[in-house]
Amino acid sequence: RLYKNLLYLGREYPKGGDYFRDRLRSAFS
């Protein structure tokens, strides 16, 4: 649930959604 919520919030991240998604994936991995 936390991962999905952060993924959703990361869509509007100032550096871009792809940047946020990559950082999020690496943090969870």
PDB file of all heavy atoms in Angstrom:
ATOM      1  N   ARG A   1       0.837  -1.212   0.000  1.00  0.00           N
ATOM      2  CA  ARG A   1       0.000   0.000   0.000  1.00  0.00           C
ATOM      3  C   ARG A   1       0.865   1.254   0.000  1.00  0.00           C
ATOM      4  O   ARG A   1       0.621   2.205  -0.741  1.00  0.00           O
ATOM      5  CB  ARG A   1      -0.919  -0.008   1.223  1.00  0.00           C
ATOM      6  CG  ARG A   1      -1.820   1.219   1.310  1.00  0.00           C
ATOM      7  CD  ARG A   1      -2.465   1.356   2.684  1.00  0.00           C
ATOM      8  NE  ARG A   1      -1.515   1.347   3.781  1.00  0.00           N
ATOM      9  CZ  ARG A   1      -0.770   2.403   4.152  1.00  0.00           C
ATOM     10  NH1 ARG A   1      -0.849   3.542   3.489  1.00  0.00           N
ATOM     11  NH2 ARG A   1       0.049   2.315   5.176  1.00  0.00           N
ATOM     12  N   LEU A   2       1.917   1.249   0.824  1.00  0.00           N
ATOM     13  CA  LEU A   2       2.836   2.388   0.889  1.00  0.00           C
ATOM     14  C   LEU A   2       3.526   2.592  -0.454  1.00  0.00           C
ATOM     15  O   LEU A   2       3.644   3.721  -0.936  1.00  0.00           O
ATOM     16  CB  LEU A   2       3.868   2.175   1.993  1.00  0.00           C
ATOM     17  CG  LEU A   2       4.938   3.241   2.135  1.00  0.00           C
ATOM     18  CD1 LEU A   2       4.312   4.568   2.532  1.00  0.00           C
ATOM     19  CD2 LEU A   2       5.972   2.803   3.159  1.00  0.00           C
ATOM     20  N   TYR A   3       3.977   1.502  -1.073  1.00  0.00           N
ATOM     21  CA  TYR A   3       4.645   1.596  -2.371  1.00  0.00           C
ATOM     22  C   TYR A   3       3.706   2.201  -3.423  1.00  0.00           C
ATOM     23  O   TYR A   3       4.087   3.105  -4.165  1.00  0.00           O
ATOM     24  CB  TYR A   3       5.111   0.210  -2.823  1.00  0.00           C
ATOM     25  CG  TYR A   3       5.878   0.226  -4.118  1.00  0.00           C
ATOM     26  CD1 TYR A   3       7.214   0.576  -4.144  1.00  0.00           C
ATOM     27  CD2 TYR A   3       5.267  -0.097  -5.317  1.00  0.00           C
ATOM     28  CE1 TYR A   3       7.934   0.596  -5.327  1.00  0.00           C
ATOM     29  CE2 TYR A   3       5.971  -0.075  -6.509  1.00  0.00           C
ATOM     30  CZ  TYR A   3       7.300   0.270  -6.506  1.00  0.00           C
ATOM     31  OH  TYR A   3       8.001   0.305  -7.684  1.00  0.00           O
ATOM     32  N   LYS A   4       2.469   1.735  -3.461  1.00  0.00           N
ATOM     33  CA  LYS A   4       1.505   2.257  -4.441  1.00  0.00           C
ATOM     34  C   LYS A   4       1.197   3.720  -4.170  1.00  0.00           C
ATOM     35  O   LYS A   4       1.074   4.517  -5.114  1.00  0.00           O
ATOM     36  CB  LYS A   4       0.222   1.435  -4.409  1.00  0.00           C
ATOM     37  CG  LYS A   4       0.372   0.073  -5.033  1.00  0.00           C
ATOM     38  CD  LYS A   4      -0.939  -0.676  -5.013  1.00  0.00           C
ATOM     39  CE  LYS A   4      -0.810  -2.033  -5.659  1.00  0.00           C
ATOM     40  NZ  LYS A   4      -2.096  -2.762  -5.665  1.00  0.00           N
ATOM     41  N   ASN A   5       1.072   4.087  -2.900  1.00  0.00           N
ATOM     42  CA  ASN A   5       0.797   5.471  -2.553  1.00  0.00           C
ATOM     43  C   ASN A   5       1.953   6.372  -2.972  1.00  0.00           C
ATOM     44  O   ASN A   5       1.740   7.446  -3.560  1.00  0.00           O
ATOM     45  CB  ASN A   5       0.532   5.590  -1.053  1.00  0.00           C
ATOM     46  CG  ASN A   5       0.093   6.969  -0.647  1.00  0.00           C
ATOM     47  OD1 ASN A   5      -0.503   7.701  -1.427  1.00  0.00           O
ATOM     48  ND2 ASN A   5       0.369   7.325   0.587  1.00  0.00           N
ATOM     49  N   LEU A   6       3.170   5.958  -2.677  1.00  0.00           N
ATOM     50  CA  LEU A   6       4.330   6.755  -3.075  1.00  0.00           C
ATOM     51  C   LEU A   6       4.474   6.822  -4.588  1.00  0.00           C
ATOM     52  O   LEU A   6       4.846   7.867  -5.138  1.00  0.00           O
ATOM     53  CB  LEU A   6       5.605   6.181  -2.449  1.00  0.00           C
ATOM     54  CG  LEU A   6       5.772   6.431  -0.952  1.00  0.00           C
ATOM     55  CD1 LEU A   6       6.922   5.620  -0.401  1.00  0.00           C
ATOM     56  CD2 LEU A   6       5.987   7.912  -0.685  1.00  0.00           C
ATOM     57  N   LEU A   7       4.166   5.741  -5.258  1.00  0.00           N
ATOM     58  CA  LEU A   7       4.225   5.728  -6.715  1.00  0.00           C
ATOM     59  C   LEU A   7       3.228   6.724  -7.301  1.00  0.00           C
ATOM     60  O   LEU A   7       3.524   7.454  -8.248  1.00  0.00           O
ATOM     61  CB  LEU A   7       3.949   4.318  -7.226  1.00  0.00           C
ATOM     62  CG  LEU A   7       4.338   3.979  -8.649  1.00  0.00           C
ATOM     63  CD1 LEU A   7       5.821   4.213  -8.867  1.00  0.00           C
ATOM     64  CD2 LEU A   7       3.984   2.542  -8.951  1.00  0.00           C
ATOM     65  N   TYR A   8       2.043   6.770  -6.709  1.00  0.00           N
ATOM     66  CA  TYR A   8       1.018   7.719  -7.145  1.00  0.00           C
ATOM     67  C   TYR A   8       1.459   9.154  -6.882  1.00  0.00           C
ATOM     68  O   TYR A   8       1.320  10.028  -7.743  1.00  0.00           O
ATOM     69  CB  TYR A   8      -0.303   7.424  -6.420  1.00  0.00           C
ATOM     70  CG  TYR A   8      -1.394   8.402  -6.735  1.00  0.00           C
ATOM     71  CD1 TYR A   8      -2.086   8.330  -7.933  1.00  0.00           C
ATOM     72  CD2 TYR A   8      -1.728   9.408  -5.835  1.00  0.00           C
ATOM     73  CE1 TYR A   8      -3.086   9.236  -8.233  1.00  0.00           C
ATOM     74  CE2 TYR A   8      -2.720  10.313  -6.127  1.00  0.00           C
ATOM     75  CZ  TYR A   8      -3.401  10.225  -7.326  1.00  0.00           C
ATOM     76  OH  TYR A   8      -4.387  11.140  -7.615  1.00  0.00           O
ATOM     77  N   LEU A   9       2.008   9.406  -5.695  1.00  0.00           N
ATOM     78  CA  LEU A   9       2.462  10.753  -5.362  1.00  0.00           C
ATOM     79  C   LEU A   9       3.641  11.188  -6.224  1.00  0.00           C
ATOM     80  O   LEU A   9       3.814  12.372  -6.499  1.00  0.00           O
ATOM     81  CB  LEU A   9       2.855  10.825  -3.887  1.00  0.00           C
ATOM     82  CG  LEU A   9       1.722  10.769  -2.881  1.00  0.00           C
ATOM     83  CD1 LEU A   9       2.277  10.648  -1.470  1.00  0.00           C
ATOM     84  CD2 LEU A   9       0.838  11.989  -3.004  1.00  0.00           C
ATOM     85  N   GLY A  10       4.445  10.246  -6.660  1.00  0.00           N
ATOM     86  CA  GLY A  10       5.639  10.562  -7.429  1.00  0.00           C
ATOM     87  C   GLY A  10       5.365  11.021  -8.842  1.00  0.00           C
ATOM     88  O   GLY A  10       6.269  11.521  -9.516  1.00  0.00           O
ATOM     89  N   ARG A  11       4.135  10.878  -9.307  1.00  0.00           N
ATOM     90  CA  ARG A  11       3.824  11.299 -10.677  1.00  0.00           C
ATOM     91  C   ARG A  11       4.035  12.793 -10.883  1.00  0.00           C
ATOM     92  O   ARG A  11       4.393  13.231 -11.968  1.00  0.00           O
ATOM     93  CB  ARG A  11       2.372  10.964 -11.025  1.00  0.00           C
ATOM     94  CG  ARG A  11       2.096   9.491 -11.078  1.00  0.00           C
ATOM     95  CD  ARG A  11       0.686   9.203 -11.496  1.00  0.00           C
ATOM     96  NE  ARG A  11      -0.247  10.033 -10.721  1.00  0.00           N
ATOM     97  CZ  ARG A  11      -1.487  10.320 -11.091  1.00  0.00           C
ATOM     98  NH1 ARG A  11      -1.967   9.845 -12.200  1.00  0.00           N
ATOM     99  NH2 ARG A  11      -2.260  11.055 -10.333  1.00  0.00           N
ATOM    100  N   GLU A  12       3.836  13.598  -9.836  1.00  0.00           N
ATOM    101  CA  GLU A  12       3.973  15.047  -9.950  1.00  0.00           C
ATOM    102  C   GLU A  12       5.308  15.558  -9.410  1.00  0.00           C
ATOM    103  O   GLU A  12       5.463  16.756  -9.182  1.00  0.00           O
ATOM    104  CB  GLU A  12       2.837  15.729  -9.185  1.00  0.00           C
ATOM    105  CG  GLU A  12       1.467  15.447  -9.720  1.00  0.00           C
ATOM    106  CD  GLU A  12       0.394  16.143  -8.915  1.00  0.00           C
ATOM    107  OE1 GLU A  12       0.672  17.242  -8.387  1.00  0.00           O
ATOM    108  OE2 GLU A  12      -0.699  15.594  -8.807  1.00  0.00           O
ATOM    109  N   TYR A  13       6.250  14.683  -9.184  1.00  0.00           N
ATOM    110  CA  TYR A  13       7.531  15.076  -8.608  1.00  0.00           C
ATOM    111  C   TYR A  13       8.226  16.075  -9.534  1.00  0.00           C
ATOM    112  O   TYR A  13       8.205  15.914 -10.760  1.00  0.00           O
ATOM    113  CB  TYR A  13       8.401  13.833  -8.388  1.00  0.00           C
ATOM    114  CG  TYR A  13       9.593  14.072  -7.512  1.00  0.00           C
ATOM    115  CD1 TYR A  13       9.434  14.317  -6.161  1.00  0.00           C
ATOM    116  CD2 TYR A  13      10.877  14.064  -8.026  1.00  0.00           C
ATOM    117  CE1 TYR A  13      10.520  14.534  -5.341  1.00  0.00           C
ATOM    118  CE2 TYR A  13      11.969  14.280  -7.225  1.00  0.00           C
ATOM    119  CZ  TYR A  13      11.786  14.518  -5.878  1.00  0.00           C
ATOM    120  OH  TYR A  13      12.865  14.746  -5.071  1.00  0.00           O
ATOM    121  N   PRO A  14       8.839  17.124  -8.980  1.00  0.00           N
ATOM    122  CA  PRO A  14       9.456  18.166  -9.815  1.00  0.00           C
ATOM    123  C   PRO A  14      10.514  17.661 -10.800  1.00  0.00           C
ATOM    124  O   PRO A  14      10.646  18.204 -11.892  1.00  0.00           O
ATOM    125  CB  PRO A  14      10.091  19.112  -8.791  1.00  0.00           C
ATOM    126  CG  PRO A  14       9.295  18.916  -7.555  1.00  0.00           C
ATOM    127  CD  PRO A  14       8.870  17.476  -7.565  1.00  0.00           C
ATOM    128  N   LYS A  15      11.269  16.631 -10.449  1.00  0.00           N
ATOM    129  CA  LYS A  15      12.287  16.116 -11.372  1.00  0.00           C
ATOM    130  C   LYS A  15      11.726  15.097 -12.345  1.00  0.00           C
ATOM    131  O   LYS A  15      12.468  14.568 -13.164  1.00  0.00           O
ATOM    132  CB  LYS A  15      13.441  15.478 -10.594  1.00  0.00           C
ATOM    133  CG  LYS A  15      14.311  16.483  -9.887  1.00  0.00           C
ATOM    134  CD  LYS A  15      15.538  15.816  -9.333  1.00  0.00           C
ATOM    135  CE  LYS A  15      16.476  16.830  -8.734  1.00  0.00           C
ATOM    136  NZ  LYS A  15      17.700  16.210  -8.244  1.00  0.00           N
ATOM    137  N   GLY A  16      10.446  14.805 -12.231  1.00  0.00           N
ATOM    138  CA  GLY A  16       9.816  13.881 -13.162  1.00  0.00           C
ATOM    139  C   GLY A  16       9.424  12.568 -12.507  1.00  0.00           C
ATOM    140  O   GLY A  16      10.056  12.116 -11.556  1.00  0.00           O
ATOM    141  N   GLY A  17       8.384  11.968 -13.036  1.00  0.00           N
ATOM    142  CA  GLY A  17       7.880  10.715 -12.495  1.00  0.00           C
ATOM    143  C   GLY A  17       8.840   9.557 -12.684  1.00  0.00           C
ATOM    144  O   GLY A  17       8.948   8.679 -11.818  1.00  0.00           O
ATOM    145  N   ASP A  18       9.548   9.534 -13.812  1.00  0.00           N
ATOM    146  CA  ASP A  18      10.495   8.442 -14.068  1.00  0.00           C
ATOM    147  C   ASP A  18      11.650   8.466 -13.071  1.00  0.00           C
ATOM    148  O   ASP A  18      12.075   7.425 -12.569  1.00  0.00           O
ATOM    149  CB  ASP A  18      11.045   8.523 -15.488  1.00  0.00           C
ATOM    150  CG  ASP A  18       9.972   8.259 -16.523  1.00  0.00           C
ATOM    151  OD1 ASP A  18       8.996   7.550 -16.190  1.00  0.00           O
ATOM    152  OD2 ASP A  18      10.114   8.760 -17.653  1.00  0.00           O
ATOM    153  N   TYR A  19      12.152   9.658 -12.780  1.00  0.00           N
ATOM    154  CA  TYR A  19      13.231   9.810 -11.804  1.00  0.00           C
ATOM    155  C   TYR A  19      12.776   9.301 -10.434  1.00  0.00           C
ATOM    156  O   TYR A  19      13.475   8.541  -9.773  1.00  0.00           O
ATOM    157  CB  TYR A  19      13.647  11.281 -11.709  1.00  0.00           C
ATOM    158  CG  TYR A  19      14.622  11.585 -10.608  1.00  0.00           C
ATOM    159  CD1 TYR A  19      15.977  11.349 -10.768  1.00  0.00           C
ATOM    160  CD2 TYR A  19      14.177  12.115  -9.392  1.00  0.00           C
ATOM    161  CE1 TYR A  19      16.873  11.633  -9.757  1.00  0.00           C
ATOM    162  CE2 TYR A  19      15.066  12.393  -8.377  1.00  0.00           C
ATOM    163  CZ  TYR A  19      16.411  12.152  -8.561  1.00  0.00           C
ATOM    164  OH  TYR A  19      17.290  12.431  -7.553  1.00  0.00           O
ATOM    165  N   PHE A  20      11.563   9.725 -10.038  1.00  0.00           N
ATOM    166  CA  PHE A  20      11.043   9.318  -8.734  1.00  0.00           C
ATOM    167  C   PHE A  20      10.812   7.814  -8.674  1.00  0.00           C
ATOM    168  O   PHE A  20      11.129   7.166  -7.681  1.00  0.00           O
ATOM    169  CB  PHE A  20       9.742  10.066  -8.426  1.00  0.00           C
ATOM    170  CG  PHE A  20       9.231   9.828  -7.043  1.00  0.00           C
ATOM    171  CD1 PHE A  20       9.694  10.578  -5.990  1.00  0.00           C
ATOM    172  CD2 PHE A  20       8.297   8.838  -6.800  1.00  0.00           C
ATOM    173  CE1 PHE A  20       9.241  10.350  -4.706  1.00  0.00           C
ATOM    174  CE2 PHE A  20       7.832   8.608  -5.522  1.00  0.00           C
ATOM    175  CZ  PHE A  20       8.301   9.363  -4.478  1.00  0.00           C
ATOM    176  N   ARG A  21      10.246   7.255  -9.737  1.00  0.00           N
ATOM    177  CA  ARG A  21       9.954   5.818  -9.763  1.00  0.00           C
ATOM    178  C   ARG A  21      11.237   5.001  -9.651  1.00  0.00           C
ATOM    179  O   ARG A  21      11.282   4.010  -8.925  1.00  0.00           O
ATOM    180  CB  ARG A  21       9.193   5.444 -11.032  1.00  0.00           C
ATOM    181  CG  ARG A  21       8.744   3.992 -11.043  1.00  0.00           C
ATOM    182  CD  ARG A  21       7.923   3.638 -12.249  1.00  0.00           C
ATOM    183  NE  ARG A  21       8.649   3.892 -13.484  1.00  0.00           N
ATOM    184  CZ  ARG A  21       8.264   4.748 -14.431  1.00  0.00           C
ATOM    185  NH1 ARG A  21       7.156   5.429 -14.297  1.00  0.00           N
ATOM    186  NH2 ARG A  21       8.983   4.907 -15.518  1.00  0.00           N
ATOM    187  N   ASP A  22      12.284   5.422 -10.342  1.00  0.00           N
ATOM    188  CA  ASP A  22      13.562   4.708 -10.258  1.00  0.00           C
ATOM    189  C   ASP A  22      14.141   4.760  -8.847  1.00  0.00           C
ATOM    190  O   ASP A  22      14.628   3.752  -8.323  1.00  0.00           O
ATOM    191  CB  ASP A  22      14.564   5.285 -11.249  1.00  0.00           C
ATOM    192  CG  ASP A  22      14.167   5.037 -12.692  1.00  0.00           C
ATOM    193  OD1 ASP A  22      13.345   4.121 -12.930  1.00  0.00           O
ATOM    194  OD2 ASP A  22      14.672   5.752 -13.577  1.00  0.00           O
ATOM    195  N   ARG A  23      14.081   5.935  -8.218  1.00  0.00           N
ATOM    196  CA  ARG A  23      14.585   6.081  -6.853  1.00  0.00           C
ATOM    197  C   ARG A  23      13.748   5.264  -5.870  1.00  0.00           C
ATOM    198  O   ARG A  23      14.279   4.645  -4.952  1.00  0.00           O
ATOM    199  CB  ARG A  23      14.569   7.557  -6.432  1.00  0.00           C
ATOM    200  CG  ARG A  23      15.437   8.482  -7.239  1.00  0.00           C
ATOM    201  CD  ARG A  23      16.892   8.413  -6.853  1.00  0.00           C
ATOM    202  NE  ARG A  23      17.100   8.635  -5.458  1.00  0.00           N
ATOM    203  CZ  ARG A  23      17.645   9.702  -4.919  1.00  0.00           C
ATOM    204  NH1 ARG A  23      18.066  10.674  -5.697  1.00  0.00           N
ATOM    205  NH2 ARG A  23      17.803   9.808  -3.628  1.00  0.00           N
ATOM    206  N   LEU A  24      12.437   5.264  -6.074  1.00  0.00           N
ATOM    207  CA  LEU A  24      11.534   4.505  -5.206  1.00  0.00           C
ATOM    208  C   LEU A  24      11.802   3.007  -5.327  1.00  0.00           C
ATOM    209  O   LEU A  24      11.911   2.293  -4.328  1.00  0.00           O
ATOM    210  CB  LEU A  24      10.079   4.815  -5.558  1.00  0.00           C
ATOM    211  CG  LEU A  24       9.009   4.110  -4.749  1.00  0.00           C
ATOM    212  CD1 LEU A  24       9.050   4.581  -3.302  1.00  0.00           C
ATOM    213  CD2 LEU A  24       7.637   4.372  -5.345  1.00  0.00           C
ATOM    214  N   ARG A  25      11.943   2.543  -6.545  1.00  0.00           N
ATOM    215  CA  ARG A  25      12.199   1.122  -6.778  1.00  0.00           C
ATOM    216  C   ARG A  25      13.521   0.698  -6.142  1.00  0.00           C
ATOM    217  O   ARG A  25      13.605  -0.354  -5.512  1.00  0.00           O
ATOM    218  CB  ARG A  25      12.213   0.836  -8.276  1.00  0.00           C
ATOM    219  CG  ARG A  25      12.340  -0.647  -8.602  1.00  0.00           C
ATOM    220  CD  ARG A  25      12.267  -0.891 -10.076  1.00  0.00           C
ATOM    221  NE  ARG A  25      10.946  -0.541 -10.583  1.00  0.00           N
ATOM    222  CZ  ARG A  25      10.726   0.060 -11.749  1.00  0.00           C
ATOM    223  NH1 ARG A  25      11.738   0.367 -12.530  1.00  0.00           N
ATOM    224  NH2 ARG A  25       9.503   0.333 -12.132  1.00  0.00           N
ATOM    225  N   SER A  26      14.547   1.524  -6.276  1.00  0.00           N
ATOM    226  CA  SER A  26      15.840   1.166  -5.689  1.00  0.00           C
ATOM    227  C   SER A  26      15.778   1.181  -4.161  1.00  0.00           C
ATOM    228  O   SER A  26      16.385   0.332  -3.502  1.00  0.00           O
ATOM    229  CB  SER A  26      16.940   2.097  -6.188  1.00  0.00           C
ATOM    230  OG  SER A  26      16.761   3.402  -5.696  1.00  0.00           O
ATOM    231  N   ALA A  27      15.016   2.117  -3.582  1.00  0.00           N
ATOM    232  CA  ALA A  27      14.889   2.175  -2.121  1.00  0.00           C
ATOM    233  C   ALA A  27      14.171   0.942  -1.585  1.00  0.00           C
ATOM    234  O   ALA A  27      14.580   0.359  -0.571  1.00  0.00           O
ATOM    235  CB  ALA A  27      14.148   3.436  -1.705  1.00  0.00           C
ATOM    236  N   PHE A  28      13.111   0.515  -2.268  1.00  0.00           N
ATOM    237  CA  PHE A  28      12.390  -0.669  -1.816  1.00  0.00           C
ATOM    238  C   PHE A  28      13.203  -1.936  -2.072  1.00  0.00           C
ATOM    239  O   PHE A  28      13.174  -2.860  -1.260  1.00  0.00           O
ATOM    240  CB  PHE A  28      11.014  -0.750  -2.484  1.00  0.00           C
ATOM    241  CG  PHE A  28       9.943  -0.012  -1.734  1.00  0.00           C
ATOM    242  CD1 PHE A  28       9.858   1.365  -1.793  1.00  0.00           C
ATOM    243  CD2 PHE A  28       9.023  -0.692  -0.966  1.00  0.00           C
ATOM    244  CE1 PHE A  28       8.884   2.047  -1.096  1.00  0.00           C
ATOM    245  CE2 PHE A  28       8.043  -0.019  -0.264  1.00  0.00           C
ATOM    246  CZ  PHE A  28       7.975   1.351  -0.332  1.00  0.00           C
ATOM    247  N   SER A  29      13.918  -1.993  -3.172  1.00  0.00           N
ATOM    248  CA  SER A  29      14.750  -3.172  -3.466  1.00  0.00           C
ATOM    249  C   SER A  29      15.886  -3.319  -2.463  1.00  0.00           C
ATOM    250  O   SER A  29      16.251  -4.438  -2.093  1.00  0.00           O
ATOM    251  CB  SER A  29      15.328  -3.068  -4.869  1.00  0.00           C
ATOM    252  OG  SER A  29      14.298  -3.095  -5.824  1.00  0.00           O
TER     253      SER A  29
END
